[in-house]
Amino acid sequence: QVQLVESGGGLVQPGGSLKLSCATSGFAFENANMEWVRRAPGKGLEWVSTIYAYGRTTYAQSVKDRFTISRDVAKSTLYLQMHTLKPEDTAVYYCGMGATRGQGTQVTVSS
């Protein structure tokens, strides 16, 4: 079955960086459109970024030029490199494929 397992979250100071990973299995990763979404405390799910199977990437305006989505097809792994983190980036981050989400990884940006 489809499995998505996020990792790499943690506590980071404002202005810092983190790289999230999402290990996948159970489907043809090389043919899948993959995305990252997040849920901040007390808020709804927010789309962050998508990488399409053919390589195009798109970003929410709030993270554009700070976050980079990428993937390693050989490892069936999705990444989200985050730079210049802000307190408002604090959220649980989920990777997704279609309607399937992982369990999430917590990112906390605080001094």
Protein backbone atom coordinates (compact mmCIF):
# COMPACT_ATOMS: atom_id res chain seq x y z
CA GLN A 1 0.00 0.00 0.00
CA VAL A 2 1.00 3.63 -0.35
CA GLN A 3 3.25 4.82 2.47
CA LEU A 4 4.61 8.30 3.08
CA VAL A 5 6.94 8.89 6.02
CA GLU A 6 8.14 12.40 6.79
CA SER A 7 11.22 13.27 8.82
CA GLY A 8 13.60 16.13 9.44
CA GLY A 9 11.47 18.48 11.47
CA GLY A 10 12.62 20.15 14.65
CA LEU A 11 13.18 23.38 16.51
CA VAL A 12 15.08 26.10 14.66
CA GLN A 13 15.72 29.77 15.28
CA PRO A 14 14.27 32.43 12.99
CA GLY A 15 16.46 32.76 9.93
CA GLY A 16 17.58 29.16 10.17
CA SER A 17 17.23 26.26 7.77
CA LEU A 18 15.82 22.75 7.81
CA LYS A 19 15.47 20.02 5.22
CA LEU A 20 12.46 17.75 5.37
CA SER A 21 12.37 14.32 3.80
CA CYS A 22 9.49 12.08 2.79
CA ALA A 23 10.30 8.44 2.16
CA THR A 24 7.72 6.80 -0.06
CA SER A 25 6.74 3.30 -1.12
CA GLY A 26 3.86 1.42 -2.69
CA PHE A 27 3.45 3.41 -5.89
CA ALA A 28 5.37 4.57 -8.96
CA PHE A 29 7.11 7.57 -7.44
CA GLU A 30 8.65 8.62 -10.76
CA ASN A 31 5.17 9.09 -12.24
CA ALA A 32 3.57 10.87 -9.29
CA ASN A 33 2.88 14.51 -8.62
CA MET A 34 4.00 15.14 -5.05
CA GLU A 35 3.29 17.98 -2.70
CA TRP A 36 4.01 19.44 0.71
CA VAL A 37 1.27 20.94 2.81
CA ARG A 38 1.30 22.25 6.36
CA ARG A 39 -1.02 22.89 9.27
CA ALA A 40 -0.14 25.71 11.64
CA PRO A 41 -1.50 25.65 15.20
CA GLY A 42 -5.20 26.44 15.16
CA LYS A 43 -5.35 26.80 11.38
CA GLY A 44 -6.42 24.75 8.40
CA LEU A 45 -4.30 22.84 5.94
CA GLU A 46 -2.17 25.11 3.73
CA TRP A 47 -0.63 24.03 0.45
CA VAL A 48 3.12 24.75 0.35
CA SER A 49 4.60 23.31 -2.83
CA THR A 50 4.13 20.79 -5.63
CA ILE A 51 6.58 18.98 -7.85
CA TYR A 52 5.05 17.44 -10.94
CA ALA A 53 6.14 14.16 -12.44
CA TYR A 54 7.65 15.99 -15.41
CA GLY A 55 9.67 18.24 -13.08
CA ARG A 56 7.81 21.53 -12.86
CA THR A 57 7.65 23.02 -9.38
CA THR A 58 5.21 25.50 -7.87
CA TYR A 59 5.20 27.31 -4.53
CA ALA A 60 2.84 29.21 -2.29
CA GLN A 61 3.65 32.90 -2.31
CA SER A 62 4.43 32.76 1.40
CA VAL A 63 7.37 30.39 0.86
CA LYS A 64 8.51 31.28 -2.63
CA ASP A 65 12.25 32.02 -2.86
CA ARG A 66 12.79 30.48 0.60
CA PHE A 67 11.72 26.86 0.12
CA THR A 68 12.81 24.37 -2.55
CA ILE A 69 11.00 21.14 -3.34
CA SER A 70 12.96 18.33 -4.93
CA ARG A 71 12.99 14.58 -5.26
CA ASP A 72 15.36 11.66 -5.65
CA VAL A 73 13.66 9.14 -7.91
CA ALA A 74 16.27 6.46 -7.19
CA LYS A 75 15.44 6.71 -3.49
CA SER A 76 11.70 7.37 -3.94
CA THR A 77 12.15 10.30 -1.60
CA LEU A 78 10.69 13.80 -1.65
CA TYR A 79 12.45 16.75 -0.03
CA LEU A 80 11.66 20.25 1.13
CA GLN A 81 14.65 22.50 1.76
CA MET A 82 13.60 25.45 3.89
CA HIS A 83 15.72 28.57 4.37
CA THR A 84 15.19 31.88 6.15
CA LEU A 85 12.58 30.31 8.36
CA LYS A 86 10.07 32.55 10.11
CA PRO A 87 7.91 31.97 13.19
CA GLU A 88 4.89 31.83 10.90
CA ASP A 89 6.39 28.75 9.24
CA THR A 90 5.75 26.85 12.46
CA ALA A 91 3.48 23.96 11.54
CA VAL A 92 3.18 20.25 11.05
CA TYR A 93 4.42 19.51 7.54
CA TYR A 94 2.94 16.68 5.51
CA CYS A 95 3.95 15.23 2.21
CA GLY A 96 1.15 14.12 -0.04
CA MET A 97 0.35 12.13 -3.15
CA GLY A 98 -3.22 12.52 -4.26
CA ALA A 99 -5.44 12.12 -1.23
CA THR A 100 -2.76 10.32 0.79
CA ARG A 101 -0.73 12.09 3.47
CA GLY A 102 1.98 10.99 5.80
CA GLN A 103 1.89 11.36 9.57
CA GLY A 104 3.65 14.71 9.42
CA THR A 105 6.75 16.22 10.97
CA GLN A 106 6.71 19.17 13.35
CA VAL A 107 8.64 22.31 12.46
CA THR A 108 8.92 24.96 15.16
CA VAL A 109 10.58 28.29 14.43
CA SER A 110 11.28 30.14 17.64
CA SER A 111 14.05 31.93 19.47
